[in-house]
Amino acid sequence: MLEVRHLTKIYDDGTVALKDISFSVAEGEFLIVIGLSGSGKSTLLRCINRLIDPTEGEILWNGVDLAQLQGEELRKSRRHIGMIFQHFNLVNRSSVMTNVLSGHLGYISQWQSILGRFPKEDKIKAWEALKRLGIEDQAHKRADELSGGQQQRVGIARALMQEPKMILADEPVASLDPVLAHSILQHLEMLNQEDNMTIICSLHYLDLVQRYATSVIGLREGRIVYQGSKEDILAMTDEEFKDIYGEEAERVGSGLEGNITHEGGEA
C-alpha cells in the first residue's frame, strides 16, 4: 500500500509544482495519472522514488515514510521501486545487456559496479528479463541501434532487474506511435497482472487510460482535480474533463477515443 499525504513540492525558483496532494494506491493497482504538461505528473513520480525531495508531506510505502529516509535506508527502499522514463535514459554506447544489468547495481558492492563485474546469476536474470520482453536477440547490440519501442522495452527489463514491487513510468509512451504505445503498456499490464506488481504511470491520452487503468487521478496546476476508477473514466462528464484539461480543451473523436486538443494543439 502506498499512501501519499499532503505532498507539496516547491522548487528553488518558487514554482509550486504540487499542492497538498493526498491519495492512496492499493497493492497490485494500475494507477494512471493524467493531466496536461506542467500539471505535476513527473514531479509526483519523482517525489515518490525520491529522485527529487518533497517540500512537505509524507510518502508512506508499507508504513515507511520514504520522504524521511536518507543514505543507506533510502537506497535499500528504492531497490524495489523501478523507474521507466519517457526518453529511455539508456547508455547509448553500451550494449543492451549492460544497460539491463545496471538495474541491479543497488544489490552489488561499489567496486563491482565500478568495474562492471556482475555475478553470473545477474547475467542469467538479465537474459530472462530480456526474453520476457521479447528482445533477447538484441542483447549484444548497442542501445542506440534499437528502435524507440525496443529501447523502452530495455528500460522495462532494466527496471525488472531491481526485483521491484512497484514500477513508476513517467510518460513511457509519449515519444512512440500508437501501435508501439499499446505494446509498451501491454508489457506493463502483463507485469501488473502476472506479478501483482503495482504500476503508477503518467499518460496524456484517455483512450489509453480507459484500456489499461484500474484507477485514475487527474492533476491540474499541481492539485488533484479528479479521482476515479476505470469505470468512472468511461463515464467522465464534459465538466470533469474540463476540470482536468481546461475550458479550451475539446474531446476529439467519439467518446473518449482519439486525442485531446488544447489551445489548438495536441495535449
Protein backbone atom coordinates (compact mmCIF):
# COMPACT_ATOMS: atom_id res chain seq x y z
CA MET A 1 0.00 0.00 0.00
CA LEU A 2 1.25 3.45 -0.98
CA GLU A 3 -0.21 6.45 0.81
CA VAL A 4 0.69 9.98 -0.23
CA ARG A 5 -0.36 12.54 2.37
CA HIS A 6 -0.39 16.32 1.92
CA LEU A 7 2.53 16.23 -0.52
CA THR A 8 3.83 19.62 -1.65
CA LYS A 9 6.80 20.41 -3.86
CA ILE A 10 8.11 23.95 -4.30
CA TYR A 11 11.21 24.31 -6.49
CA ASP A 12 14.06 26.68 -5.65
CA ASP A 13 12.80 29.25 -8.16
CA GLY A 14 9.48 29.42 -6.32
CA THR A 15 7.50 27.25 -8.73
CA VAL A 16 4.81 25.33 -6.84
CA ALA A 17 4.67 22.00 -8.69
CA LEU A 18 2.50 20.06 -6.22
CA LYS A 19 -0.02 21.48 -3.76
CA ASP A 20 -1.25 19.35 -0.85
CA ILE A 21 -1.58 16.08 -2.79
CA SER A 22 -3.19 13.11 -0.99
CA PHE A 23 -4.18 9.71 -2.41
CA SER A 24 -3.60 6.00 -1.83
CA VAL A 25 -2.70 3.10 -4.12
CA ALA A 26 -3.51 -0.48 -3.16
CA GLU A 27 -1.02 -3.25 -3.89
CA GLY A 28 -1.48 -4.57 -7.41
CA GLU A 29 -3.21 -1.45 -8.77
CA PHE A 30 -2.51 0.01 -12.21
CA LEU A 31 -2.88 3.71 -11.39
CA ILE A 32 -2.67 6.19 -14.23
CA VAL A 33 -2.00 9.87 -13.58
CA ILE A 34 -3.45 12.19 -16.21
CA GLY A 35 -3.15 15.89 -16.89
CA LEU A 36 -1.60 18.42 -19.23
CA SER A 37 2.14 19.00 -19.47
CA GLY A 38 3.18 21.02 -16.42
CA SER A 39 0.36 19.70 -14.25
CA GLY A 40 2.80 17.98 -11.87
CA LYS A 41 2.74 14.39 -13.12
CA SER A 42 6.50 13.95 -13.46
CA THR A 43 7.20 15.80 -10.23
CA LEU A 44 4.82 13.49 -8.38
CA LEU A 45 6.52 10.32 -9.65
CA ARG A 46 9.99 11.70 -8.95
CA CYS A 47 8.99 12.63 -5.42
CA ILE A 48 7.67 9.12 -4.78
CA ASN A 49 11.01 7.50 -5.57
CA ARG A 50 12.98 10.47 -4.19
CA LEU A 51 14.72 11.49 -7.38
CA ILE A 52 13.69 14.87 -6.03
CA ASP A 53 12.90 15.73 -2.42
CA PRO A 54 9.39 16.85 -1.47
CA THR A 55 9.00 20.14 0.36
CA GLU A 56 6.28 18.87 2.71
CA GLY A 57 4.19 15.78 3.26
CA GLU A 58 4.50 12.03 3.68
CA ILE A 59 5.05 9.19 1.21
CA LEU A 60 4.15 6.05 3.14
CA TRP A 61 5.01 2.78 1.45
CA ASN A 62 4.01 -0.23 3.54
CA GLY A 63 4.14 2.01 6.60
CA VAL A 64 7.60 3.51 5.94
CA ASP A 65 7.79 7.22 5.13
CA LEU A 66 10.04 7.42 2.06
CA ALA A 67 10.14 11.21 2.40
CA GLN A 68 12.15 10.88 5.63
CA LEU A 69 14.68 8.24 4.53
CA GLN A 70 18.31 9.11 3.91
CA GLY A 71 21.50 7.30 2.94
CA GLU A 72 21.53 3.51 3.09
CA GLU A 73 17.91 3.27 4.24
CA LEU A 74 16.74 5.21 1.19
CA ARG A 75 18.99 3.19 -1.10
CA LYS A 76 17.53 -0.09 0.18
CA SER A 77 13.94 1.09 -0.18
CA ARG A 78 14.50 2.37 -3.72
CA ARG A 79 15.80 -1.02 -4.79
CA HIS A 80 12.22 -2.19 -5.03
CA ILE A 81 10.86 0.82 -6.93
CA GLY A 82 11.55 0.55 -10.66
CA MET A 83 11.56 3.68 -12.82
CA ILE A 84 10.81 3.95 -16.54
CA PHE A 85 11.48 7.23 -18.34
CA GLN A 86 9.97 8.97 -21.36
CA HIS A 87 13.34 9.22 -23.13
CA PHE A 88 14.53 5.77 -22.01
CA ASN A 89 17.66 7.00 -20.13
CA LEU A 90 19.88 4.30 -21.58
CA VAL A 91 23.64 4.49 -22.06
CA ASN A 92 23.61 4.56 -25.86
CA ARG A 93 27.16 3.38 -26.43
CA SER A 94 26.76 0.39 -24.09
CA SER A 95 25.20 -2.92 -25.01
CA VAL A 96 21.59 -3.77 -24.27
CA MET A 97 22.78 -6.41 -21.78
CA THR A 98 24.97 -3.92 -19.91
CA ASN A 99 22.06 -1.46 -19.71
CA VAL A 100 19.80 -4.13 -18.24
CA LEU A 101 22.44 -5.29 -15.77
CA SER A 102 22.78 -1.72 -14.49
CA GLY A 103 19.34 -2.14 -12.95
CA HIS A 104 20.91 -4.43 -10.35
CA LEU A 105 23.60 -2.00 -9.19
CA GLY A 106 21.78 -1.47 -5.91
CA TYR A 107 22.44 -5.09 -4.97
CA ILE A 108 26.17 -5.39 -5.63
CA SER A 109 29.22 -3.84 -3.98
CA GLN A 110 30.60 -0.49 -5.09
CA TRP A 111 33.80 -1.96 -6.51
CA GLN A 112 31.84 -4.46 -8.59
CA SER A 113 29.70 -1.68 -10.03
CA ILE A 114 32.76 0.47 -10.85
CA LEU A 115 34.45 -2.43 -12.65
CA GLY A 116 31.24 -3.61 -14.27
CA ARG A 117 31.67 -7.09 -12.83
CA PHE A 118 28.29 -8.72 -12.40
CA PRO A 119 27.74 -12.16 -10.87
CA LYS A 120 26.74 -15.00 -13.18
CA GLU A 121 23.28 -15.16 -11.62
CA ASP A 122 22.74 -11.48 -12.50
CA LYS A 123 23.55 -12.19 -16.14
CA ILE A 124 21.07 -15.07 -16.14
CA LYS A 125 18.43 -12.82 -14.59
CA ALA A 126 19.10 -10.11 -17.19
CA TRP A 127 18.75 -12.63 -20.01
CA GLU A 128 15.43 -13.83 -18.56
CA ALA A 129 14.19 -10.22 -18.34
CA LEU A 130 15.09 -9.58 -21.97
CA LYS A 131 13.42 -12.83 -23.01
CA ARG A 132 10.28 -11.87 -21.13
CA LEU A 133 10.18 -8.59 -23.05
CA GLY A 134 10.83 -10.40 -26.34
CA ILE A 135 14.17 -8.74 -27.15
CA GLU A 136 16.74 -11.33 -26.10
CA ASP A 137 18.04 -11.34 -29.70
CA GLN A 138 19.10 -7.70 -29.21
CA ALA A 139 21.21 -8.37 -26.10
CA HIS A 140 24.60 -7.67 -27.65
CA LYS A 141 23.67 -4.67 -29.78
CA ARG A 142 24.42 -1.10 -28.76
CA ALA A 143 21.39 0.52 -27.20
CA ASP A 144 21.31 3.27 -29.84
CA GLU A 145 20.93 0.68 -32.62
CA LEU A 146 17.43 -0.19 -31.38
CA SER A 147 14.11 1.37 -32.29
CA GLY A 148 12.28 3.55 -29.78
CA GLY A 149 9.89 0.76 -28.82
CA GLN A 150 12.77 -1.68 -28.33
CA GLN A 151 14.68 0.85 -26.23
CA GLN A 152 11.68 1.29 -23.94
CA ARG A 153 11.47 -2.48 -23.53
CA VAL A 154 15.13 -2.40 -22.49
CA GLY A 155 14.11 0.21 -19.92
CA ILE A 156 11.43 -2.12 -18.57
CA ALA A 157 13.87 -5.04 -18.45
CA ARG A 158 16.33 -2.83 -16.55
CA ALA A 159 13.60 -1.98 -14.04
CA LEU A 160 12.84 -5.70 -13.61
CA MET A 161 16.45 -6.26 -12.53
CA GLN A 162 15.63 -4.30 -9.37
CA GLU A 163 13.16 -7.02 -8.38
CA PRO A 164 10.59 -4.23 -8.00
CA LYS A 165 7.35 -4.36 -6.08
CA MET A 166 6.28 -1.10 -7.73
CA ILE A 167 7.12 0.49 -11.08
CA LEU A 168 6.80 4.21 -11.80
CA ALA A 169 6.50 5.00 -15.50
CA ASP A 170 6.92 8.68 -16.42
CA GLU A 171 5.20 9.26 -19.80
CA PRO A 172 6.64 5.96 -21.10
CA VAL A 173 4.91 6.15 -24.50
CA ALA A 174 4.99 9.90 -25.21
CA SER A 175 7.61 9.52 -27.95
CA LEU A 176 6.10 6.39 -29.53
CA ASP A 177 3.45 5.92 -32.20
CA PRO A 178 0.04 4.47 -31.16
CA VAL A 179 0.86 0.85 -32.05
CA LEU A 180 4.10 0.88 -30.06
CA ALA A 181 2.37 2.72 -27.21
CA HIS A 182 -0.08 -0.14 -26.82
CA SER A 183 2.78 -2.66 -26.98
CA ILE A 184 4.65 -0.98 -24.11
CA LEU A 185 1.52 -0.63 -21.98
CA GLN A 186 0.66 -4.28 -22.63
CA HIS A 187 4.05 -5.24 -21.19
CA LEU A 188 3.36 -3.14 -18.09
CA GLU A 189 -0.11 -4.69 -17.86
CA MET A 190 1.50 -8.14 -18.02
CA LEU A 191 3.71 -7.31 -15.01
CA ASN A 192 0.72 -5.87 -13.18
CA GLN A 193 -1.47 -8.92 -13.75
CA GLU A 194 1.06 -11.77 -13.67
CA ASP A 195 3.31 -10.46 -10.87
CA ASN A 196 0.71 -8.40 -8.97
CA MET A 197 3.12 -5.51 -9.40
CA THR A 198 1.86 -2.04 -8.57
CA ILE A 199 2.15 0.28 -11.58
CA ILE A 200 1.90 4.08 -11.42
CA CYS A 201 2.03 5.54 -14.90
CA SER A 202 1.57 9.08 -16.22
CA LEU A 203 -0.18 9.45 -19.58
CA HIS A 204 -1.86 12.08 -21.73
CA TYR A 205 -4.42 10.15 -23.74
CA LEU A 206 -7.73 9.00 -22.33
CA ASP A 207 -8.16 6.16 -24.83
CA LEU A 208 -5.06 4.52 -23.32
CA VAL A 209 -6.27 5.29 -19.81
CA GLN A 210 -9.62 3.58 -20.31
CA ARG A 211 -7.88 0.49 -21.73
CA TYR A 212 -5.20 -0.05 -19.05
CA ALA A 213 -6.00 1.77 -15.81
CA THR A 214 -7.64 0.20 -12.79
CA SER A 215 -7.72 3.63 -11.11
CA VAL A 216 -7.02 7.21 -12.16
CA ILE A 217 -6.09 10.55 -10.68
CA GLY A 218 -6.17 13.80 -12.64
CA LEU A 219 -3.81 16.70 -11.89
CA ARG A 220 -4.15 20.32 -12.86
CA GLU A 221 -1.71 23.00 -11.75
CA GLY A 222 -0.29 20.71 -9.07
CA ARG A 223 -3.61 19.77 -7.47
CA ILE A 224 -5.74 16.64 -7.68
CA VAL A 225 -8.93 17.59 -9.52
CA TYR A 226 -10.17 14.08 -10.33
CA GLN A 227 -10.06 10.61 -8.78
CA GLY A 228 -11.88 7.58 -10.09
CA SER A 229 -11.90 4.02 -11.34
CA LYS A 230 -11.69 2.72 -14.89
CA GLU A 231 -15.47 2.70 -14.94
CA ASP A 232 -15.56 6.35 -13.84
CA ILE A 233 -13.28 7.31 -16.72
CA LEU A 234 -15.68 5.67 -19.18
CA ALA A 235 -18.48 7.81 -17.74
CA MET A 236 -16.47 11.04 -17.43
CA THR A 237 -18.60 14.12 -17.99
CA ASP A 238 -17.57 17.12 -20.06
CA GLU A 239 -17.36 19.15 -16.85
CA GLU A 240 -14.94 16.66 -15.26
CA PHE A 241 -12.93 16.58 -18.50
CA LYS A 242 -12.56 20.37 -18.48
CA ASP A 243 -11.62 20.33 -14.77
CA ILE A 244 -8.53 18.36 -15.79
CA TYR A 245 -7.70 19.81 -19.20
CA GLY A 246 -9.12 23.33 -19.06
CA GLU A 247 -12.03 25.15 -20.64
CA GLU A 248 -10.24 25.35 -24.01
CA ALA A 249 -9.86 21.58 -24.27
CA GLU A 250 -12.09 19.52 -26.51
CA ARG A 251 -12.53 15.80 -26.96
CA VAL A 252 -11.62 14.67 -30.45
CA GLY A 253 -13.34 11.59 -31.81
CA SER A 254 -16.15 9.55 -30.37
CA GLY A 255 -16.48 9.40 -26.59
CA LEU A 256 -13.05 9.08 -25.02
CA GLU A 257 -11.37 7.70 -28.12
CA GLY A 258 -8.93 9.86 -30.02
CA ASN A 259 -6.74 12.64 -28.70
CA ILE A 260 -7.27 15.86 -26.77
CA THR A 261 -6.83 19.31 -28.23
CA HIS A 262 -5.83 22.23 -26.05
CA GLU A 263 -5.45 25.79 -27.29
CA GLY A 264 -5.31 24.50 -30.85
CA GLY A 265 -2.66 21.85 -30.26
CA GLU A 266 -2.27 18.28 -29.13
CA ALA A 267 -2.12 17.85 -25.36
